[in-house]
């Protein structure tokens, strides 16, 4: 059981923190993302087996529907088009981006799926940029349907150690257009998933913030 599950006092404190975040900062001309930032202790992120690496389904969704692209060829590319994938890139398209960091960065507006056969090429050509931004593609295995993996991509978030493996990870938990209750449920789900796998005492500090707003501390102890 997660450390917040069933704890009424923590849930009320979380809702108050969420409300504070939603009221913070100046209004912007775009809908801001709400980010959860977790600082860890007791885990050595230099060790691969201790790096946080989770894919978490948000019960209330991400607050906006991400654009989906897929690296695919042949029949899989045709199936992706039928499934409504917005951008489909094959081997030649990937190879054309070699050394083109500007072109690769333009792809960051998408979340990605990929045929397993293209994963190594994607990692080699696009990995240095996509990896840093937590945008590496989800593989679509032969026993999976593209529609099912698309739905997972639209409602889940990756929580992974990045870069120099500092003991900090972050992920979106919704947008400022969502209700405090829905945001609180998403946040609780993420924190419970982390503590269930890595232990209740591994989260040292937690913060919540809007894209352009100041961080607000959460009580997780």
N, C-alpha and C. Protein backbone atom coordinates (compact mmCIF):
# COMPACT_ATOMS: atom_id res chain seq x y z
N UNK A 1 0.85 -1.20 0.00
CA UNK A 1 0.00 0.00 0.00
C UNK A 1 0.88 1.24 0.00
N UNK A 2 0.50 2.26 -0.80
CA UNK A 2 1.27 3.49 -0.86
C UNK A 2 1.22 4.27 0.44
N UNK A 3 2.19 5.16 0.61
CA UNK A 3 2.30 5.87 1.89
C UNK A 3 1.15 6.86 2.10
N UNK A 4 0.44 7.26 1.05
CA UNK A 4 -0.65 8.23 1.21
C UNK A 4 -2.02 7.57 1.17
N UNK A 5 -2.05 6.32 0.77
CA UNK A 5 -3.33 5.66 0.58
C UNK A 5 -4.05 5.54 1.92
N UNK A 6 -5.23 6.12 2.00
CA UNK A 6 -6.02 6.02 3.22
C UNK A 6 -5.66 7.04 4.29
N UNK A 7 -4.70 7.94 4.02
CA UNK A 7 -4.28 8.94 5.01
C UNK A 7 -5.02 10.24 4.73
N UNK A 8 -6.09 10.48 5.49
CA UNK A 8 -6.96 11.64 5.25
C UNK A 8 -6.22 12.95 5.46
N UNK A 9 -5.39 13.05 6.50
CA UNK A 9 -4.68 14.29 6.80
C UNK A 9 -3.73 14.65 5.65
N UNK A 10 -3.01 13.66 5.13
CA UNK A 10 -2.09 13.94 4.03
C UNK A 10 -2.85 14.36 2.78
N UNK A 11 -3.99 13.75 2.55
CA UNK A 11 -4.79 14.10 1.37
C UNK A 11 -5.31 15.53 1.46
N UNK A 12 -5.74 15.94 2.65
CA UNK A 12 -6.22 17.31 2.81
C UNK A 12 -5.08 18.32 2.66
N UNK A 13 -3.91 17.97 3.19
CA UNK A 13 -2.74 18.84 3.03
C UNK A 13 -2.33 18.93 1.57
N UNK A 14 -2.44 17.82 0.85
CA UNK A 14 -2.11 17.81 -0.58
C UNK A 14 -3.06 18.71 -1.36
N UNK A 15 -4.35 18.60 -1.08
CA UNK A 15 -5.33 19.44 -1.78
C UNK A 15 -5.05 20.93 -1.54
N UNK A 16 -4.66 21.26 -0.32
CA UNK A 16 -4.34 22.66 0.00
C UNK A 16 -3.12 23.11 -0.78
N UNK A 17 -2.12 22.23 -0.92
CA UNK A 17 -0.92 22.58 -1.69
C UNK A 17 -1.25 22.74 -3.16
N UNK A 18 -2.11 21.86 -3.67
CA UNK A 18 -2.52 21.96 -5.08
C UNK A 18 -3.23 23.29 -5.33
N UNK A 19 -4.12 23.66 -4.43
CA UNK A 19 -4.83 24.93 -4.57
C UNK A 19 -3.86 26.11 -4.55
N UNK A 20 -2.85 26.04 -3.70
CA UNK A 20 -1.84 27.09 -3.62
C UNK A 20 -1.07 27.21 -4.93
N UNK A 21 -0.74 26.06 -5.53
CA UNK A 21 -0.03 26.07 -6.82
C UNK A 21 -0.91 26.68 -7.90
N UNK A 22 -2.17 26.28 -7.94
CA UNK A 22 -3.08 26.80 -8.97
C UNK A 22 -3.26 28.31 -8.86
N UNK A 23 -3.16 28.84 -7.65
CA UNK A 23 -3.35 30.29 -7.45
C UNK A 23 -2.04 31.06 -7.58
N UNK A 24 -0.92 30.35 -7.72
CA UNK A 24 0.39 31.02 -7.76
C UNK A 24 0.71 31.59 -9.13
N UNK A 25 1.58 32.60 -9.14
CA UNK A 25 2.06 33.17 -10.40
C UNK A 25 1.03 34.01 -11.12
N UNK A 26 1.49 34.62 -12.20
CA UNK A 26 0.61 35.46 -13.01
C UNK A 26 -0.10 34.63 -14.06
N UNK A 27 -1.28 35.04 -14.49
CA UNK A 27 -1.98 34.32 -15.57
C UNK A 27 -1.14 34.34 -16.84
N UNK A 28 -1.16 33.25 -17.58
CA UNK A 28 -0.43 33.14 -18.83
C UNK A 28 -1.41 32.94 -19.98
N UNK A 29 -0.89 33.11 -21.19
CA UNK A 29 -1.74 32.98 -22.37
C UNK A 29 -1.84 31.54 -22.86
N UNK A 30 -1.37 30.61 -22.05
CA UNK A 30 -1.46 29.19 -22.41
C UNK A 30 -1.79 28.40 -21.15
N UNK A 31 -2.27 27.20 -21.34
CA UNK A 31 -2.60 26.34 -20.20
C UNK A 31 -1.32 25.70 -19.68
N UNK A 32 -0.97 26.02 -18.44
CA UNK A 32 0.28 25.54 -17.88
C UNK A 32 0.16 24.09 -17.37
N UNK A 33 1.27 23.39 -17.50
CA UNK A 33 1.37 22.03 -16.97
C UNK A 33 1.68 22.09 -15.48
N UNK A 34 1.15 21.15 -14.73
CA UNK A 34 1.49 21.01 -13.31
C UNK A 34 2.54 19.90 -13.20
N UNK A 35 3.70 20.23 -12.66
CA UNK A 35 4.81 19.29 -12.57
C UNK A 35 5.03 18.85 -11.11
N UNK A 36 5.27 17.56 -10.94
CA UNK A 36 5.66 17.01 -9.64
C UNK A 36 7.16 16.74 -9.67
N UNK A 37 7.88 17.26 -8.68
CA UNK A 37 9.33 17.10 -8.60
C UNK A 37 9.65 16.34 -7.31
N UNK A 38 10.38 15.24 -7.44
CA UNK A 38 10.72 14.40 -6.30
C UNK A 38 12.24 14.35 -6.12
N UNK A 39 12.67 14.63 -4.90
CA UNK A 39 14.09 14.54 -4.54
C UNK A 39 14.27 13.30 -3.67
N UNK A 40 15.23 12.43 -4.05
CA UNK A 40 15.37 11.14 -3.39
C UNK A 40 16.55 11.07 -2.43
N UNK A 41 16.42 10.17 -1.49
CA UNK A 41 17.52 9.81 -0.59
C UNK A 41 17.60 8.29 -0.53
N UNK A 42 18.74 7.78 -0.08
CA UNK A 42 18.95 6.35 0.13
C UNK A 42 19.08 5.55 -1.16
N UNK A 43 18.75 6.13 -2.31
CA UNK A 43 18.95 5.46 -3.59
C UNK A 43 20.19 6.03 -4.26
N UNK A 44 21.03 5.18 -4.80
CA UNK A 44 22.23 5.61 -5.51
C UNK A 44 21.94 5.56 -7.01
N UNK A 45 21.64 6.72 -7.59
CA UNK A 45 21.25 6.77 -8.99
C UNK A 45 22.40 6.43 -9.94
N UNK A 46 23.62 6.32 -9.41
CA UNK A 46 24.73 5.90 -10.26
C UNK A 46 24.67 4.40 -10.55
N UNK A 47 23.88 3.69 -9.75
CA UNK A 47 23.70 2.26 -9.95
C UNK A 47 22.43 2.04 -10.78
N UNK A 48 22.55 1.41 -11.95
CA UNK A 48 21.38 1.22 -12.82
C UNK A 48 20.18 0.59 -12.12
N UNK A 49 20.44 -0.35 -11.21
CA UNK A 49 19.33 -1.05 -10.56
C UNK A 49 18.59 -0.18 -9.55
N UNK A 50 19.17 0.98 -9.17
CA UNK A 50 18.53 1.85 -8.19
C UNK A 50 17.96 3.13 -8.81
N UNK A 51 18.13 3.30 -10.11
CA UNK A 51 17.56 4.48 -10.76
C UNK A 51 16.05 4.33 -10.88
N UNK A 52 15.35 5.37 -10.52
CA UNK A 52 13.89 5.35 -10.65
C UNK A 52 13.52 5.26 -12.13
N UNK A 53 12.69 4.30 -12.44
CA UNK A 53 12.26 4.10 -13.84
C UNK A 53 10.87 3.48 -13.81
N UNK A 54 9.86 4.34 -13.89
CA UNK A 54 8.47 3.89 -13.83
C UNK A 54 7.64 4.51 -14.94
N UNK A 55 6.62 3.79 -15.33
CA UNK A 55 5.63 4.32 -16.26
C UNK A 55 4.29 4.25 -15.53
N UNK A 56 3.70 5.41 -15.24
CA UNK A 56 2.56 5.46 -14.31
C UNK A 56 1.31 5.96 -15.02
N UNK A 57 0.24 5.18 -14.92
CA UNK A 57 -1.05 5.57 -15.47
C UNK A 57 -1.71 6.58 -14.54
N UNK A 58 -2.05 7.75 -15.06
CA UNK A 58 -2.72 8.77 -14.26
C UNK A 58 -4.23 8.54 -14.31
N UNK A 59 -4.88 8.29 -13.18
CA UNK A 59 -6.30 7.95 -13.18
C UNK A 59 -7.19 9.05 -13.77
N UNK A 60 -6.76 10.31 -13.66
CA UNK A 60 -7.56 11.42 -14.19
C UNK A 60 -6.97 11.99 -15.48
N UNK A 61 -6.03 11.25 -16.08
CA UNK A 61 -5.46 11.68 -17.35
C UNK A 61 -4.47 12.82 -17.20
N UNK A 62 -3.92 13.26 -18.30
CA UNK A 62 -2.86 14.27 -18.29
C UNK A 62 -3.39 15.70 -18.46
N UNK A 63 -4.69 15.83 -18.67
CA UNK A 63 -5.24 17.17 -18.79
C UNK A 63 -5.24 17.72 -20.20
N UNK A 64 -4.47 17.10 -21.04
CA UNK A 64 -4.47 17.44 -22.47
C UNK A 64 -4.05 16.19 -23.23
N UNK A 65 -4.53 16.09 -24.44
CA UNK A 65 -4.22 14.90 -25.24
C UNK A 65 -2.95 15.14 -26.04
N UNK A 66 -1.88 14.40 -25.75
CA UNK A 66 -0.62 14.61 -26.46
C UNK A 66 -0.71 14.17 -27.93
N UNK A 67 0.11 14.82 -28.75
CA UNK A 67 0.22 14.39 -30.14
C UNK A 67 1.11 13.15 -30.18
N UNK A 68 0.71 12.16 -30.99
CA UNK A 68 1.43 10.91 -31.05
C UNK A 68 2.10 10.73 -32.41
N UNK A 69 3.37 10.37 -32.39
CA UNK A 69 4.10 10.02 -33.61
C UNK A 69 4.59 8.58 -33.47
N UNK A 70 4.90 7.95 -34.61
CA UNK A 70 5.38 6.57 -34.54
C UNK A 70 6.48 6.33 -35.56
N UNK A 71 7.50 5.60 -35.12
CA UNK A 71 8.55 5.15 -36.01
C UNK A 71 8.16 3.76 -36.49
N UNK A 72 7.81 3.66 -37.77
CA UNK A 72 7.29 2.39 -38.29
C UNK A 72 7.45 2.32 -39.80
N UNK A 73 7.43 1.09 -40.29
CA UNK A 73 7.50 0.86 -41.73
C UNK A 73 6.55 -0.26 -42.11
N UNK A 74 6.32 -0.40 -43.41
CA UNK A 74 5.52 -1.51 -43.92
C UNK A 74 4.10 -1.52 -43.40
N UNK A 75 3.60 -2.72 -43.11
CA UNK A 75 2.22 -2.88 -42.67
C UNK A 75 1.97 -2.16 -41.35
N UNK A 76 2.99 -2.13 -40.48
CA UNK A 76 2.83 -1.43 -39.19
C UNK A 76 2.59 0.05 -39.42
N UNK A 77 3.27 0.64 -40.40
CA UNK A 77 3.06 2.05 -40.72
C UNK A 77 1.65 2.28 -41.23
N UNK A 78 1.14 1.35 -42.04
CA UNK A 78 -0.23 1.45 -42.55
C UNK A 78 -1.23 1.33 -41.40
N UNK A 79 -0.95 0.41 -40.47
CA UNK A 79 -1.83 0.24 -39.32
C UNK A 79 -1.82 1.49 -38.43
N UNK A 80 -0.64 2.11 -38.32
CA UNK A 80 -0.51 3.33 -37.52
C UNK A 80 -1.34 4.46 -38.13
N UNK A 81 -1.32 4.55 -39.43
CA UNK A 81 -2.10 5.59 -40.12
C UNK A 81 -3.59 5.37 -39.89
N UNK A 82 -4.02 4.12 -39.97
CA UNK A 82 -5.43 3.79 -39.74
C UNK A 82 -5.84 4.10 -38.30
N UNK A 83 -4.89 3.95 -37.38
CA UNK A 83 -5.18 4.18 -35.96
C UNK A 83 -5.22 5.67 -35.61
N UNK A 84 -4.85 6.52 -36.57
CA UNK A 84 -4.90 7.96 -36.34
C UNK A 84 -3.61 8.58 -35.87
N UNK A 85 -2.48 7.87 -36.01
CA UNK A 85 -1.19 8.44 -35.65
C UNK A 85 -0.92 9.67 -36.51
N UNK A 86 -0.52 10.76 -35.90
CA UNK A 86 -0.38 12.03 -36.60
C UNK A 86 0.87 12.12 -37.47
N UNK A 87 1.96 11.51 -37.02
CA UNK A 87 3.22 11.56 -37.76
C UNK A 87 3.84 10.18 -37.76
N UNK A 88 4.19 9.67 -38.95
CA UNK A 88 4.80 8.36 -39.08
C UNK A 88 6.15 8.52 -39.79
N UNK A 89 7.19 8.00 -39.17
CA UNK A 89 8.54 8.14 -39.71
C UNK A 89 9.18 6.76 -39.87
N UNK A 90 9.74 6.51 -41.06
CA UNK A 90 10.41 5.26 -41.31
C UNK A 90 11.91 5.38 -41.16
N UNK A 91 12.62 4.33 -41.54
CA UNK A 91 14.07 4.28 -41.38
C UNK A 91 14.75 5.44 -42.09
N UNK A 92 14.34 5.73 -43.32
CA UNK A 92 14.96 6.81 -44.08
C UNK A 92 14.73 8.17 -43.42
N UNK A 93 13.55 8.36 -42.85
CA UNK A 93 13.25 9.62 -42.17
C UNK A 93 14.13 9.81 -40.94
N UNK A 94 14.36 8.71 -40.22
CA UNK A 94 15.20 8.78 -39.03
C UNK A 94 16.64 9.09 -39.42
N UNK A 95 17.14 8.37 -40.43
CA UNK A 95 18.53 8.56 -40.87
C UNK A 95 18.76 9.96 -41.40
N UNK A 96 17.72 10.58 -41.96
CA UNK A 96 17.85 11.94 -42.49
C UNK A 96 18.08 12.96 -41.38
N UNK A 97 17.81 12.57 -40.13
CA UNK A 97 17.98 13.49 -39.00
C UNK A 97 19.35 13.38 -38.34
N UNK A 98 20.23 12.54 -38.88
CA UNK A 98 21.57 12.39 -38.30
C UNK A 98 22.28 13.75 -38.26
N UNK A 99 22.70 14.16 -37.07
CA UNK A 99 23.40 15.43 -36.91
C UNK A 99 22.52 16.67 -36.95
N UNK A 100 21.22 16.49 -37.10
CA UNK A 100 20.29 17.62 -37.21
C UNK A 100 19.55 17.83 -35.90
N UNK A 101 20.24 18.41 -34.90
CA UNK A 101 19.64 18.59 -33.58
C UNK A 101 18.42 19.50 -33.62
N UNK A 102 18.45 20.51 -34.48
CA UNK A 102 17.32 21.42 -34.60
C UNK A 102 16.08 20.67 -35.09
N UNK A 103 16.29 19.82 -36.07
CA UNK A 103 15.18 19.03 -36.60
C UNK A 103 14.64 18.05 -35.58
N UNK A 104 15.55 17.46 -34.81
CA UNK A 104 15.13 16.52 -33.78
C UNK A 104 14.34 17.23 -32.69
N UNK A 105 14.78 18.43 -32.31
CA UNK A 105 14.09 19.17 -31.25
C UNK A 105 12.67 19.54 -31.65
N UNK A 106 12.43 19.70 -32.94
CA UNK A 106 11.08 20.01 -33.40
C UNK A 106 10.13 18.85 -33.11
N UNK A 107 10.70 17.67 -32.95
CA UNK A 107 9.87 16.50 -32.69
C UNK A 107 9.42 16.40 -31.24
N UNK A 108 9.97 17.24 -30.37
CA UNK A 108 9.66 17.15 -28.95
C UNK A 108 8.20 17.49 -28.63
N UNK A 109 7.48 18.00 -29.61
CA UNK A 109 6.06 18.28 -29.42
C UNK A 109 5.24 16.98 -29.38
N UNK A 110 5.88 15.87 -29.76
CA UNK A 110 5.19 14.58 -29.84
C UNK A 110 5.59 13.64 -28.71
N UNK A 111 4.71 12.67 -28.44
CA UNK A 111 5.07 11.47 -27.71
C UNK A 111 5.21 10.37 -28.75
N UNK A 112 6.08 9.40 -28.49
CA UNK A 112 6.45 8.45 -29.55
C UNK A 112 6.15 7.00 -29.24
N UNK A 113 5.77 6.29 -30.31
CA UNK A 113 5.70 4.83 -30.33
C UNK A 113 6.71 4.36 -31.38
N UNK A 114 7.08 3.09 -31.33
CA UNK A 114 8.04 2.59 -32.32
C UNK A 114 7.93 1.08 -32.50
N UNK A 115 8.18 0.64 -33.73
CA UNK A 115 8.40 -0.78 -33.98
C UNK A 115 9.67 -1.19 -33.25
N UNK A 116 9.68 -2.36 -32.64
CA UNK A 116 10.90 -2.81 -31.94
C UNK A 116 12.14 -2.81 -32.85
N UNK A 117 11.95 -3.13 -34.14
CA UNK A 117 13.07 -3.20 -35.07
C UNK A 117 13.76 -1.86 -35.29
N UNK A 118 13.05 -0.78 -34.99
CA UNK A 118 13.61 0.56 -35.22
C UNK A 118 14.13 1.21 -33.94
N UNK A 119 13.95 0.55 -32.81
CA UNK A 119 14.33 1.15 -31.53
C UNK A 119 15.82 1.47 -31.44
N UNK A 120 16.67 0.57 -31.92
CA UNK A 120 18.12 0.80 -31.82
C UNK A 120 18.53 1.99 -32.68
N UNK A 121 17.95 2.11 -33.86
CA UNK A 121 18.26 3.25 -34.74
C UNK A 121 17.76 4.55 -34.13
N UNK A 122 16.56 4.53 -33.57
CA UNK A 122 16.02 5.72 -32.90
C UNK A 122 16.94 6.13 -31.76
N UNK A 123 17.39 5.14 -30.98
CA UNK A 123 18.27 5.44 -29.86
C UNK A 123 19.58 6.06 -30.31
N UNK A 124 20.14 5.54 -31.39
CA UNK A 124 21.42 6.02 -31.90
C UNK A 124 21.31 7.43 -32.45
N UNK A 125 20.27 7.71 -33.23
CA UNK A 125 20.13 9.00 -33.91
C UNK A 125 19.43 10.05 -33.05
N UNK A 126 18.36 9.65 -32.39
CA UNK A 126 17.52 10.62 -31.67
C UNK A 126 17.68 10.56 -30.15
N UNK A 127 18.26 9.48 -29.67
CA UNK A 127 18.36 9.26 -28.23
C UNK A 127 18.95 10.39 -27.42
N UNK A 128 20.08 11.00 -27.88
CA UNK A 128 20.69 12.08 -27.08
C UNK A 128 19.74 13.24 -26.79
N UNK A 129 18.77 13.49 -27.66
CA UNK A 129 17.80 14.57 -27.44
C UNK A 129 16.53 14.04 -26.78
N UNK A 130 15.97 12.98 -27.34
CA UNK A 130 14.71 12.45 -26.79
C UNK A 130 14.90 11.93 -25.37
N UNK A 131 16.04 11.30 -25.11
CA UNK A 131 16.29 10.73 -23.79
C UNK A 131 16.32 11.78 -22.70
N UNK A 132 17.00 12.89 -22.97
CA UNK A 132 17.12 13.96 -21.98
C UNK A 132 15.75 14.53 -21.62
N UNK A 133 14.84 14.54 -22.60
CA UNK A 133 13.51 15.12 -22.38
C UNK A 133 12.46 14.07 -22.02
N UNK A 134 12.91 12.84 -21.73
CA UNK A 134 11.96 11.80 -21.36
C UNK A 134 11.01 11.43 -22.47
N UNK A 135 11.50 11.49 -23.72
CA UNK A 135 10.64 11.28 -24.87
C UNK A 135 10.98 10.02 -25.68
N UNK A 136 11.78 9.13 -25.11
CA UNK A 136 12.08 7.91 -25.85
C UNK A 136 10.78 7.14 -26.12
N UNK A 137 10.68 6.51 -27.29
CA UNK A 137 9.41 5.88 -27.68
C UNK A 137 9.07 4.61 -26.90
N UNK A 138 7.77 4.36 -26.84
CA UNK A 138 7.27 3.09 -26.31
C UNK A 138 7.28 2.08 -27.44
N UNK A 139 7.88 0.91 -27.25
CA UNK A 139 7.84 -0.10 -28.31
C UNK A 139 6.45 -0.72 -28.42
N UNK A 140 6.01 -0.95 -29.64
CA UNK A 140 4.74 -1.64 -29.89
C UNK A 140 5.08 -3.07 -30.30
N UNK A 141 4.95 -3.99 -29.37
CA UNK A 141 5.31 -5.38 -29.62
C UNK A 141 4.26 -6.05 -30.50
N UNK A 142 4.63 -7.16 -31.15
CA UNK A 142 3.70 -7.84 -32.08
C UNK A 142 2.37 -8.24 -31.45
N UNK A 143 2.37 -8.51 -30.14
CA UNK A 143 1.12 -8.93 -29.48
C UNK A 143 0.29 -7.76 -28.98
N UNK A 144 0.72 -6.52 -29.29
CA UNK A 144 -0.01 -5.33 -28.85
C UNK A 144 -0.74 -4.69 -30.03
N UNK A 145 -1.82 -3.97 -29.71
CA UNK A 145 -2.48 -3.18 -30.75
C UNK A 145 -2.00 -1.74 -30.63
N UNK A 146 -1.86 -1.08 -31.76
CA UNK A 146 -1.41 0.31 -31.75
C UNK A 146 -2.38 1.19 -30.97
N UNK A 147 -3.67 0.94 -31.13
CA UNK A 147 -4.68 1.74 -30.43
C UNK A 147 -4.52 1.64 -28.92
N UNK A 148 -4.21 0.43 -28.43
CA UNK A 148 -4.05 0.23 -26.98
C UNK A 148 -2.82 0.97 -26.46
N UNK A 149 -1.71 0.90 -27.20
CA UNK A 149 -0.49 1.58 -26.77
C UNK A 149 -0.67 3.09 -26.87
N UNK A 150 -1.42 3.55 -27.86
CA UNK A 150 -1.73 4.98 -27.97
C UNK A 150 -2.47 5.46 -26.73
N UNK A 151 -3.45 4.68 -26.28
CA UNK A 151 -4.23 5.06 -25.09
C UNK A 151 -3.34 5.11 -23.86
N UNK A 152 -2.43 4.15 -23.73
CA UNK A 152 -1.48 4.16 -22.62
C UNK A 152 -0.61 5.41 -22.66
N UNK A 153 -0.15 5.77 -23.87
CA UNK A 153 0.71 6.95 -24.02
C UNK A 153 -0.03 8.23 -23.65
N UNK A 154 -1.32 8.26 -23.89
CA UNK A 154 -2.10 9.47 -23.63
C UNK A 154 -2.49 9.64 -22.18
N UNK A 155 -2.44 8.56 -21.41
CA UNK A 155 -2.89 8.65 -20.02
C UNK A 155 -1.80 8.34 -19.00
N UNK A 156 -0.59 8.05 -19.45
CA UNK A 156 0.48 7.71 -18.52
C UNK A 156 1.65 8.66 -18.67
N UNK A 157 2.52 8.66 -17.65
CA UNK A 157 3.70 9.51 -17.68
C UNK A 157 4.92 8.70 -17.25
N UNK A 158 6.08 8.96 -17.87
CA UNK A 158 7.30 8.30 -17.42
C UNK A 158 7.92 9.06 -16.26
N UNK A 159 8.44 8.33 -15.30
CA UNK A 159 9.16 8.92 -14.18
C UNK A 159 10.53 8.24 -14.16
N UNK A 160 11.54 8.96 -14.69
CA UNK A 160 12.83 8.33 -14.90
C UNK A 160 13.98 9.26 -14.51
N UNK A 161 15.06 8.65 -14.00
CA UNK A 161 16.30 9.39 -13.76
C UNK A 161 16.91 9.75 -15.11
N UNK A 162 17.44 10.97 -15.21
CA UNK A 162 17.99 11.43 -16.48
C UNK A 162 19.36 12.06 -16.29
N UNK A 163 19.96 12.39 -17.42
CA UNK A 163 21.18 13.18 -17.41
C UNK A 163 22.31 12.59 -16.59
N UNK A 164 22.80 13.37 -15.63
CA UNK A 164 23.92 12.95 -14.80
C UNK A 164 23.48 12.14 -13.59
N UNK A 165 22.23 11.70 -13.61
CA UNK A 165 21.68 10.85 -12.56
C UNK A 165 21.71 11.49 -11.18
N UNK A 166 21.36 12.78 -11.17
CA UNK A 166 21.14 13.43 -9.88
C UNK A 166 19.89 12.80 -9.26
N UNK A 167 19.78 12.79 -7.93
CA UNK A 167 18.65 12.10 -7.28
C UNK A 167 17.34 12.88 -7.34
N UNK A 168 17.01 13.38 -8.51
CA UNK A 168 15.79 14.16 -8.70
C UNK A 168 15.09 13.69 -9.97
N UNK A 169 13.79 13.47 -9.89
CA UNK A 169 12.99 13.15 -11.06
C UNK A 169 11.75 14.02 -11.05
N UNK A 170 11.18 14.22 -12.22
CA UNK A 170 9.95 15.01 -12.29
C UNK A 170 9.07 14.49 -13.41
N UNK A 171 7.79 14.78 -13.30
CA UNK A 171 6.85 14.36 -14.34
C UNK A 171 5.61 15.25 -14.28
N UNK A 172 4.91 15.40 -15.40
CA UNK A 172 3.65 16.14 -15.38
C UNK A 172 2.57 15.31 -14.71
N UNK A 173 1.71 15.98 -13.96
CA UNK A 173 0.59 15.29 -13.30
C UNK A 173 -0.75 15.90 -13.70
N UNK A 174 -0.73 16.75 -14.73
CA UNK A 174 -1.96 17.36 -15.20
C UNK A 174 -1.72 18.79 -15.65
N UNK A 175 -2.79 19.57 -15.75
CA UNK A 175 -2.70 20.97 -16.13
C UNK A 175 -3.50 21.83 -15.17
N UNK A 176 -3.29 23.14 -15.25
CA UNK A 176 -4.00 24.06 -14.36
C UNK A 176 -5.50 24.12 -14.65
N UNK A 177 -5.92 23.54 -15.78
CA UNK A 177 -7.35 23.52 -16.11
C UNK A 177 -8.09 22.41 -15.38
N UNK A 178 -7.36 21.50 -14.74
CA UNK A 178 -7.98 20.38 -14.02
C UNK A 178 -8.41 20.81 -12.62
N UNK A 179 -9.30 20.05 -12.02
CA UNK A 179 -9.77 20.37 -10.67
C UNK A 179 -8.71 19.97 -9.65
N UNK A 180 -8.69 20.64 -8.49
CA UNK A 180 -7.75 20.25 -7.43
C UNK A 180 -7.89 18.79 -7.02
N UNK A 181 -9.12 18.28 -6.98
CA UNK A 181 -9.34 16.88 -6.60
C UNK A 181 -8.70 15.93 -7.60
N UNK A 182 -8.87 16.21 -8.90
CA UNK A 182 -8.29 15.34 -9.93
C UNK A 182 -6.77 15.40 -9.91
N UNK A 183 -6.21 16.59 -9.73
CA UNK A 183 -4.76 16.72 -9.65
C UNK A 183 -4.22 15.98 -8.43
N UNK A 184 -4.91 16.12 -7.30
CA UNK A 184 -4.48 15.45 -6.08
C UNK A 184 -4.50 13.93 -6.26
N UNK A 185 -5.49 13.41 -6.96
CA UNK A 185 -5.56 11.97 -7.19
C UNK A 185 -4.40 11.50 -8.06
N UNK A 186 -4.07 12.28 -9.10
CA UNK A 186 -2.94 11.93 -9.95
C UNK A 186 -1.62 11.95 -9.16
N UNK A 187 -1.45 12.98 -8.35
CA UNK A 187 -0.22 13.11 -7.56
C UNK A 187 -0.09 11.94 -6.58
N UNK A 188 -1.19 11.62 -5.91
CA UNK A 188 -1.18 10.50 -4.96
C UNK A 188 -0.81 9.20 -5.67
N UNK A 189 -1.33 9.01 -6.87
CA UNK A 189 -1.02 7.80 -7.64
C UNK A 189 0.47 7.70 -7.94
N UNK A 190 1.07 8.81 -8.34
CA UNK A 190 2.51 8.80 -8.65
C UNK A 190 3.33 8.51 -7.40
N UNK A 191 3.05 9.21 -6.33
CA UNK A 191 3.83 9.02 -5.10
C UNK A 191 3.66 7.62 -4.54
N UNK A 192 2.43 7.10 -4.58
CA UNK A 192 2.22 5.75 -4.09
C UNK A 192 2.94 4.71 -4.96
N UNK A 193 2.98 4.94 -6.28
CA UNK A 193 3.70 4.02 -7.16
C UNK A 193 5.19 4.01 -6.82
N UNK A 194 5.74 5.19 -6.53
CA UNK A 194 7.16 5.30 -6.18
C UNK A 194 7.45 4.61 -4.85
N UNK A 195 6.64 4.90 -3.83
CA UNK A 195 6.91 4.33 -2.50
C UNK A 195 6.63 2.83 -2.46
N UNK A 196 5.67 2.37 -3.26
CA UNK A 196 5.41 0.93 -3.32
C UNK A 196 6.63 0.17 -3.84
N UNK A 197 7.30 0.76 -4.83
CA UNK A 197 8.45 0.07 -5.44
C UNK A 197 9.77 0.32 -4.72
N UNK A 198 9.98 1.57 -4.25
CA UNK A 198 11.30 1.91 -3.73
C UNK A 198 11.33 2.13 -2.21
N UNK A 199 10.18 2.16 -1.57
CA UNK A 199 10.15 2.31 -0.12
C UNK A 199 9.64 3.68 0.32
N UNK A 200 8.96 3.71 1.47
CA UNK A 200 8.37 4.95 1.98
C UNK A 200 9.38 6.01 2.36
N UNK A 201 10.62 5.60 2.65
CA UNK A 201 11.62 6.56 3.12
C UNK A 201 12.57 7.03 2.03
N UNK A 202 12.26 6.74 0.78
CA UNK A 202 13.18 7.12 -0.30
C UNK A 202 12.95 8.54 -0.82
N UNK A 203 11.75 9.08 -0.61
CA UNK A 203 11.47 10.45 -1.07
C UNK A 203 11.87 11.42 0.03
N UNK A 204 12.87 12.23 -0.25
CA UNK A 204 13.37 13.20 0.74
C UNK A 204 12.52 14.46 0.75
N UNK A 205 12.24 14.99 -0.44
CA UNK A 205 11.43 16.20 -0.58
C UNK A 205 10.58 16.07 -1.84
N UNK A 206 9.47 16.79 -1.85
CA UNK A 206 8.59 16.81 -3.02
C UNK A 206 8.07 18.22 -3.23
N UNK A 207 7.97 18.61 -4.48
CA UNK A 207 7.49 19.94 -4.82
C UNK A 207 6.51 19.84 -5.99
N UNK A 208 5.64 20.83 -6.05
CA UNK A 208 4.67 20.94 -7.12
C UNK A 208 4.77 22.34 -7.71
N UNK A 209 4.68 22.46 -9.03
CA UNK A 209 4.76 23.79 -9.63
C UNK A 209 4.07 23.82 -10.98
N UNK A 210 3.61 25.01 -11.34
CA UNK A 210 3.14 25.25 -12.70
C UNK A 210 4.35 25.51 -13.60
N UNK A 211 4.16 25.43 -14.89
CA UNK A 211 5.24 25.65 -15.85
C UNK A 211 6.01 26.93 -15.54
N UNK A 212 5.29 28.00 -15.29
CA UNK A 212 5.91 29.32 -15.06
C UNK A 212 5.71 29.81 -13.63
N UNK A 213 5.43 28.90 -12.72
CA UNK A 213 5.16 29.31 -11.34
C UNK A 213 6.23 28.84 -10.37
N UNK A 214 6.19 29.36 -9.15
CA UNK A 214 7.16 28.97 -8.12
C UNK A 214 6.83 27.60 -7.56
N UNK A 215 7.82 26.86 -7.06
CA UNK A 215 7.56 25.55 -6.47
C UNK A 215 6.88 25.66 -5.10
N UNK A 216 6.02 24.71 -4.81
CA UNK A 216 5.35 24.63 -3.51
C UNK A 216 5.70 23.27 -2.91
N UNK A 217 6.20 23.27 -1.69
CA UNK A 217 6.61 22.03 -1.04
C UNK A 217 5.39 21.18 -0.65
N UNK A 218 5.55 19.86 -0.80
CA UNK A 218 4.52 18.92 -0.37
C UNK A 218 5.03 18.15 0.84
N UNK A 219 4.13 17.80 1.73
CA UNK A 219 4.49 17.00 2.90
C UNK A 219 4.36 15.53 2.53
N UNK A 220 5.48 14.81 2.48
CA UNK A 220 5.43 13.40 2.09
C UNK A 220 5.92 12.47 3.18
N UNK A 221 6.39 13.00 4.31
CA UNK A 221 6.94 12.16 5.37
C UNK A 221 5.87 11.48 6.19
